[in-house]
């Protein structure tokens, strides 16, 4: 059987809805994951770009997971100088950003109109503006360097991305990268342990 590779996102350990299948907090979730990694060692490799690893380590008690985390999770940056990205990806990204900017402008215009009519509720209107503006501009898009590194590393390694981030999974699909929804990742690991562990 060929070596199986996964590139892991923070959502597996940090997002409460996703993490709950592994543990009640990031540290217990990481410890439970590392038990699977130990059983699959040598047949399955788990990677994280350094930025993602740093994010996860902000939430995990290092003393409780070390040295296993160093043994079973490979920290590797993508080779950003040699990975080729099809031009259509840049075109789609530009088009997506333009649509989001227009959508954000409409959200702002609506908030201004509401504030003129409801001068008593300006603070609530501003909160609503921020929430809707953030949703219009950031939901479903790769919006950080760390997210982009995750995608590039998976492409470089021909690995499957494991994430709950809609933007990451959307762009993984556009770029032909394998992916696993983080909500199903524990089931995937259990199946792998049963078949090859």
C-alpha atoms as a PDB file:
ATOM      1  CA  UNK A   1       0.000   0.000   0.000  1.00  0.00           C
ATOM      2  CA  UNK A   2       1.292   3.470  -0.921  1.00  0.00           C
ATOM      3  CA  UNK A   3       2.153   5.925   1.834  1.00  0.00           C
ATOM      4  CA  UNK A   4      -0.898   8.054   2.737  1.00  0.00           C
ATOM      5  CA  UNK A   5      -0.293  11.739   3.474  1.00  0.00           C
ATOM      6  CA  UNK A   6      -2.494  14.275   5.229  1.00  0.00           C
ATOM      7  CA  UNK A   7      -1.927  18.008   5.709  1.00  0.00           C
ATOM      8  CA  UNK A   8      -3.687  19.099   8.908  1.00  0.00           C
ATOM      9  CA  UNK A   9      -5.468  22.378   9.625  1.00  0.00           C
ATOM     10  CA  UNK A  10      -6.011  23.969  13.034  1.00  0.00           C
ATOM     11  CA  UNK A  11      -9.777  23.352  12.894  1.00  0.00           C
ATOM     12  CA  UNK A  12      -9.271  19.678  13.814  1.00  0.00           C
ATOM     13  CA  UNK A  13      -7.995  20.668  17.249  1.00  0.00           C
ATOM     14  CA  UNK A  14      -9.413  24.160  17.837  1.00  0.00           C
ATOM     15  CA  UNK A  15     -12.941  24.294  16.373  1.00  0.00           C
ATOM     16  CA  UNK A  16     -15.199  23.048  19.234  1.00  0.00           C
ATOM     17  CA  UNK A  17     -17.697  21.346  16.895  1.00  0.00           C
ATOM     18  CA  UNK A  18     -14.968  19.457  15.034  1.00  0.00           C
ATOM     19  CA  UNK A  19     -12.639  18.818  17.954  1.00  0.00           C
ATOM     20  CA  UNK A  20     -15.340  17.184  20.087  1.00  0.00           C
ATOM     21  CA  UNK A  21     -14.947  13.839  18.318  1.00  0.00           C
ATOM     22  CA  UNK A  22     -11.329  13.749  19.554  1.00  0.00           C
ATOM     23  CA  UNK A  23     -11.585  15.548  22.904  1.00  0.00           C
ATOM     24  CA  UNK A  24     -13.193  18.279  24.976  1.00  0.00           C
ATOM     25  CA  UNK A  25     -10.297  20.729  24.639  1.00  0.00           C
ATOM     26  CA  UNK A  26      -7.403  21.224  22.191  1.00  0.00           C
ATOM     27  CA  UNK A  27      -4.887  19.317  24.324  1.00  0.00           C
ATOM     28  CA  UNK A  28      -7.076  16.231  24.798  1.00  0.00           C
ATOM     29  CA  UNK A  29      -8.015  16.351  21.097  1.00  0.00           C
ATOM     30  CA  UNK A  30      -4.331  16.422  20.128  1.00  0.00           C
ATOM     31  CA  UNK A  31      -3.506  13.553  22.508  1.00  0.00           C
ATOM     32  CA  UNK A  32      -6.315  11.420  21.045  1.00  0.00           C
ATOM     33  CA  UNK A  33      -5.141  12.220  17.510  1.00  0.00           C
ATOM     34  CA  UNK A  34      -1.551  11.286  18.398  1.00  0.00           C
ATOM     35  CA  UNK A  35      -2.736   7.838  19.522  1.00  0.00           C
ATOM     36  CA  UNK A  36      -4.047   7.254  15.990  1.00  0.00           C
ATOM     37  CA  UNK A  37      -0.843   8.670  14.505  1.00  0.00           C
ATOM     38  CA  UNK A  38       1.220   6.250  16.599  1.00  0.00           C
ATOM     39  CA  UNK A  39      -0.801   3.251  15.408  1.00  0.00           C
ATOM     40  CA  UNK A  40      -0.464   4.367  11.766  1.00  0.00           C
ATOM     41  CA  UNK A  41       3.218   5.337  11.977  1.00  0.00           C
ATOM     42  CA  UNK A  42       5.214   4.327   8.915  1.00  0.00           C
ATOM     43  CA  UNK A  43       2.130   3.970   6.721  1.00  0.00           C
ATOM     44  CA  UNK A  44       0.474   7.365   7.146  1.00  0.00           C
ATOM     45  CA  UNK A  45       2.253  10.728   7.414  1.00  0.00           C
ATOM     46  CA  UNK A  46       0.766  13.855   8.962  1.00  0.00           C
ATOM     47  CA  UNK A  47       2.082  17.291   7.978  1.00  0.00           C
ATOM     48  CA  UNK A  48       1.561  20.873   9.105  1.00  0.00           C
ATOM     49  CA  UNK A  49       3.054  24.020   7.644  1.00  0.00           C
ATOM     50  CA  UNK A  50       4.967  25.903  10.377  1.00  0.00           C
ATOM     51  CA  UNK A  51       2.355  28.690  10.587  1.00  0.00           C
ATOM     52  CA  UNK A  52      -0.462  26.197  11.204  1.00  0.00           C
ATOM     53  CA  UNK A  53       1.698  24.335  13.730  1.00  0.00           C
ATOM     54  CA  UNK A  54       2.335  27.600  15.635  1.00  0.00           C
ATOM     55  CA  UNK A  55      -1.412  28.354  15.630  1.00  0.00           C
ATOM     56  CA  UNK A  56      -2.229  24.923  17.071  1.00  0.00           C
ATOM     57  CA  UNK A  57       0.503  25.166  19.699  1.00  0.00           C
ATOM     58  CA  UNK A  58      -1.088  28.385  21.010  1.00  0.00           C
ATOM     59  CA  UNK A  59      -4.038  26.232  22.132  1.00  0.00           C
ATOM     60  CA  UNK A  60      -2.315  22.989  23.169  1.00  0.00           C
ATOM     61  CA  UNK A  61      -0.395  22.316  26.393  1.00  0.00           C
ATOM     62  CA  UNK A  62       3.018  21.447  24.943  1.00  0.00           C
ATOM     63  CA  UNK A  63       4.129  19.566  28.050  1.00  0.00           C
ATOM     64  CA  UNK A  64       1.255  17.103  27.701  1.00  0.00           C
ATOM     65  CA  UNK A  65       1.806  16.266  24.031  1.00  0.00           C
ATOM     66  CA  UNK A  66       5.579  16.426  23.720  1.00  0.00           C
ATOM     67  CA  UNK A  67       7.590  14.567  22.362  1.00  0.00           C
ATOM     68  CA  UNK A  68       4.881  12.624  20.474  1.00  0.00           C
ATOM     69  CA  UNK A  69       3.797  15.684  18.529  1.00  0.00           C
ATOM     70  CA  UNK A  70       7.371  16.133  17.278  1.00  0.00           C
ATOM     71  CA  UNK A  71       7.536  12.500  16.207  1.00  0.00           C
ATOM     72  CA  UNK A  72       4.178  12.145  14.472  1.00  0.00           C
ATOM     73  CA  UNK A  73       3.502  15.573  12.949  1.00  0.00           C
ATOM     74  CA  UNK A  74       6.004  16.662  10.323  1.00  0.00           C
ATOM     75  CA  UNK A  75       6.480  20.423  10.151  1.00  0.00           C
ATOM     76  CA  UNK A  76       7.232  21.420   6.569  1.00  0.00           C
ATOM     77  CA  UNK A  77       6.800  24.682   4.704  1.00  0.00           C
ATOM     78  CA  UNK A  78       5.656  24.463   1.096  1.00  0.00           C
ATOM     79  CA  UNK A  79       8.313  24.980  -1.567  1.00  0.00           C
ATOM     80  CA  UNK A  80       6.866  28.340  -2.634  1.00  0.00           C
ATOM     81  CA  UNK A  81       9.607  28.917  -5.224  1.00  0.00           C
ATOM     82  CA  UNK A  82       8.904  25.803  -7.279  1.00  0.00           C
ATOM     83  CA  UNK A  83       5.172  25.095  -6.984  1.00  0.00           C
ATOM     84  CA  UNK A  84       3.319  26.038 -10.141  1.00  0.00           C
ATOM     85  CA  UNK A  85      -0.210  27.376  -9.884  1.00  0.00           C
ATOM     86  CA  UNK A  86      -2.438  27.469 -12.977  1.00  0.00           C
ATOM     87  CA  UNK A  87      -3.297  30.963 -14.183  1.00  0.00           C
ATOM     88  CA  UNK A  88      -7.031  30.225 -13.924  1.00  0.00           C
ATOM     89  CA  UNK A  89      -6.615  30.112 -10.125  1.00  0.00           C
ATOM     90  CA  UNK A  90      -5.336  33.699 -10.113  1.00  0.00           C
ATOM     91  CA  UNK A  91      -8.157  34.775 -12.456  1.00  0.00           C
ATOM     92  CA  UNK A  92     -10.759  33.157 -10.194  1.00  0.00           C
ATOM     93  CA  UNK A  93      -9.190  34.680  -7.095  1.00  0.00           C
ATOM     94  CA  UNK A  94      -9.254  38.172  -8.632  1.00  0.00           C
ATOM     95  CA  UNK A  95     -12.868  37.706  -9.749  1.00  0.00           C
ATOM     96  CA  UNK A  96     -13.847  36.408  -6.301  1.00  0.00           C
ATOM     97  CA  UNK A  97     -12.159  39.327  -4.541  1.00  0.00           C
ATOM     98  CA  UNK A  98     -13.913  41.829  -6.822  1.00  0.00           C
ATOM     99  CA  UNK A  99     -17.327  40.236  -6.104  1.00  0.00           C
ATOM    100  CA  UNK A 100     -16.610  40.310  -2.380  1.00  0.00           C
ATOM    101  CA  UNK A 101     -15.578  43.962  -2.426  1.00  0.00           C
ATOM    102  CA  UNK A 102     -18.822  44.853  -4.235  1.00  0.00           C
ATOM    103  CA  UNK A 103     -20.817  42.783  -1.740  1.00  0.00           C
ATOM    104  CA  UNK A 104     -19.009  44.466   1.161  1.00  0.00           C
ATOM    105  CA  UNK A 105     -19.832  47.868  -0.292  1.00  0.00           C
ATOM    106  CA  UNK A 106     -23.538  46.946  -0.466  1.00  0.00           C
ATOM    107  CA  UNK A 107     -23.437  45.801   3.173  1.00  0.00           C
ATOM    108  CA  UNK A 108     -21.870  49.145   4.180  1.00  0.00           C
ATOM    109  CA  UNK A 109     -24.398  51.149   2.149  1.00  0.00           C
ATOM    110  CA  UNK A 110     -27.276  49.290   3.820  1.00  0.00           C
ATOM    111  CA  UNK A 111     -25.838  50.035   7.273  1.00  0.00           C
ATOM    112  CA  UNK A 112     -25.536  53.737   6.467  1.00  0.00           C
ATOM    113  CA  UNK A 113     -29.175  53.837   5.323  1.00  0.00           C
ATOM    114  CA  UNK A 114     -30.278  52.059   8.510  1.00  0.00           C
ATOM    115  CA  UNK A 115     -28.267  54.442  10.702  1.00  0.00           C
ATOM    116  CA  UNK A 116     -29.924  57.469   9.089  1.00  0.00           C
ATOM    117  CA  UNK A 117     -33.371  56.018   9.818  1.00  0.00           C
ATOM    118  CA  UNK A 118     -32.567  54.610  13.275  1.00  0.00           C
ATOM    119  CA  UNK A 119     -30.232  57.104  14.933  1.00  0.00           C
ATOM    120  CA  UNK A 120     -30.878  55.511  18.365  1.00  0.00           C
ATOM    121  CA  UNK A 121     -29.373  52.157  17.329  1.00  0.00           C
ATOM    122  CA  UNK A 122     -26.097  53.258  15.735  1.00  0.00           C
ATOM    123  CA  UNK A 123     -23.939  50.967  17.927  1.00  0.00           C
ATOM    124  CA  UNK A 124     -26.085  47.929  17.071  1.00  0.00           C
ATOM    125  CA  UNK A 125     -26.011  48.885  13.401  1.00  0.00           C
ATOM    126  CA  UNK A 126     -22.197  49.141  13.484  1.00  0.00           C
ATOM    127  CA  UNK A 127     -21.961  45.689  15.113  1.00  0.00           C
ATOM    128  CA  UNK A 128     -24.269  44.279  12.455  1.00  0.00           C
ATOM    129  CA  UNK A 129     -22.213  46.013   9.743  1.00  0.00           C
ATOM    130  CA  UNK A 130     -18.991  44.464  11.047  1.00  0.00           C
ATOM    131  CA  UNK A 131     -20.526  40.982  11.232  1.00  0.00           C
ATOM    132  CA  UNK A 132     -22.080  41.156   7.750  1.00  0.00           C
ATOM    133  CA  UNK A 133     -19.024  42.826   6.218  1.00  0.00           C
ATOM    134  CA  UNK A 134     -16.712  40.143   7.628  1.00  0.00           C
ATOM    135  CA  UNK A 135     -19.057  37.443   6.333  1.00  0.00           C
ATOM    136  CA  UNK A 136     -19.218  39.034   2.873  1.00  0.00           C
ATOM    137  CA  UNK A 137     -15.463  39.434   2.538  1.00  0.00           C
ATOM    138  CA  UNK A 138     -13.960  36.485   4.415  1.00  0.00           C
ATOM    139  CA  UNK A 139     -16.361  33.526   4.396  1.00  0.00           C
ATOM    140  CA  UNK A 140     -15.442  30.872   1.840  1.00  0.00           C
ATOM    141  CA  UNK A 141     -12.111  32.410   0.822  1.00  0.00           C
ATOM    142  CA  UNK A 142      -8.501  31.652   1.631  1.00  0.00           C
ATOM    143  CA  UNK A 143      -7.866  34.676   3.806  1.00  0.00           C
ATOM    144  CA  UNK A 144      -4.517  34.030   5.442  1.00  0.00           C
ATOM    145  CA  UNK A 145      -0.974  33.091   4.521  1.00  0.00           C
ATOM    146  CA  UNK A 146      -1.317  29.997   6.719  1.00  0.00           C
ATOM    147  CA  UNK A 147      -4.375  28.791   4.766  1.00  0.00           C
ATOM    148  CA  UNK A 148      -2.531  29.296   1.493  1.00  0.00           C
ATOM    149  CA  UNK A 149       0.517  27.397   2.809  1.00  0.00           C
ATOM    150  CA  UNK A 150      -1.771  24.506   3.733  1.00  0.00           C
ATOM    151  CA  UNK A 151      -3.081  24.320   0.163  1.00  0.00           C
ATOM    152  CA  UNK A 152       0.366  24.664  -1.402  1.00  0.00           C
ATOM    153  CA  UNK A 153       1.871  21.980   0.843  1.00  0.00           C
ATOM    154  CA  UNK A 154      -0.930  19.538   0.028  1.00  0.00           C
ATOM    155  CA  UNK A 155      -0.397  20.216  -3.684  1.00  0.00           C
ATOM    156  CA  UNK A 156       3.366  19.736  -3.378  1.00  0.00           C
ATOM    157  CA  UNK A 157       3.055  16.456  -1.449  1.00  0.00           C
ATOM    158  CA  UNK A 158       0.017  15.141  -3.336  1.00  0.00           C
ATOM    159  CA  UNK A 159      -1.571  14.869   0.102  1.00  0.00           C
ATOM    160  CA  UNK A 160      -5.141  15.272   1.332  1.00  0.00           C
ATOM    161  CA  UNK A 161      -6.024  18.440   3.230  1.00  0.00           C
ATOM    162  CA  UNK A 162      -7.970  17.919   6.461  1.00  0.00           C
ATOM    163  CA  UNK A 163      -9.949  21.042   7.337  1.00  0.00           C
ATOM    164  CA  UNK A 164     -13.370  22.393   8.258  1.00  0.00           C
ATOM    165  CA  UNK A 165     -12.607  25.773   6.650  1.00  0.00           C
ATOM    166  CA  UNK A 166     -14.962  26.285   3.691  1.00  0.00           C
ATOM    167  CA  UNK A 167     -12.492  28.575   1.924  1.00  0.00           C
ATOM    168  CA  UNK A 168      -9.674  26.035   2.133  1.00  0.00           C
ATOM    169  CA  UNK A 169     -11.878  23.171   0.944  1.00  0.00           C
ATOM    170  CA  UNK A 170     -13.330  25.270  -1.901  1.00  0.00           C
ATOM    171  CA  UNK A 171      -9.881  26.177  -3.198  1.00  0.00           C
ATOM    172  CA  UNK A 172      -8.618  22.625  -2.721  1.00  0.00           C
ATOM    173  CA  UNK A 173     -11.414  21.466  -5.028  1.00  0.00           C
ATOM    174  CA  UNK A 174     -10.634  24.167  -7.587  1.00  0.00           C
ATOM    175  CA  UNK A 175      -6.987  23.101  -7.628  1.00  0.00           C
ATOM    176  CA  UNK A 176      -7.678  19.357  -7.798  1.00  0.00           C
ATOM    177  CA  UNK A 177      -6.330  18.666  -4.306  1.00  0.00           C
ATOM    178  CA  UNK A 178      -7.681  15.754  -2.265  1.00  0.00           C
ATOM    179  CA  UNK A 179      -9.456  16.752   0.924  1.00  0.00           C
ATOM    180  CA  UNK A 180     -11.190  15.317   3.966  1.00  0.00           C
ATOM    181  CA  UNK A 181     -13.810  17.243   5.897  1.00  0.00           C
ATOM    182  CA  UNK A 182     -12.408  17.566   9.418  1.00  0.00           C
ATOM    183  CA  UNK A 183     -15.790  16.521  10.844  1.00  0.00           C
ATOM    184  CA  UNK A 184     -15.211  13.036   9.342  1.00  0.00           C
ATOM    185  CA  UNK A 185     -11.479  12.788  10.053  1.00  0.00           C
ATOM    186  CA  UNK A 186     -11.748  10.600  13.166  1.00  0.00           C
ATOM    187  CA  UNK A 187     -13.895   8.132  11.196  1.00  0.00           C
ATOM    188  CA  UNK A 188     -11.263   8.098   8.452  1.00  0.00           C
ATOM    189  CA  UNK A 189      -8.510   7.414  11.000  1.00  0.00           C
ATOM    190  CA  UNK A 190     -10.516   4.598  12.586  1.00  0.00           C
ATOM    191  CA  UNK A 191     -11.042   3.035   9.160  1.00  0.00           C
ATOM    192  CA  UNK A 192      -7.318   3.324   8.393  1.00  0.00           C
ATOM    193  CA  UNK A 193      -6.383   1.710  11.711  1.00  0.00           C
ATOM    194  CA  UNK A 194      -8.775  -1.137  10.975  1.00  0.00           C
ATOM    195  CA  UNK A 195      -7.425  -1.682   7.456  1.00  0.00           C
ATOM    196  CA  UNK A 196      -3.687  -1.045   7.831  1.00  0.00           C
ATOM    197  CA  UNK A 197      -2.932  -0.428  11.507  1.00  0.00           C
END
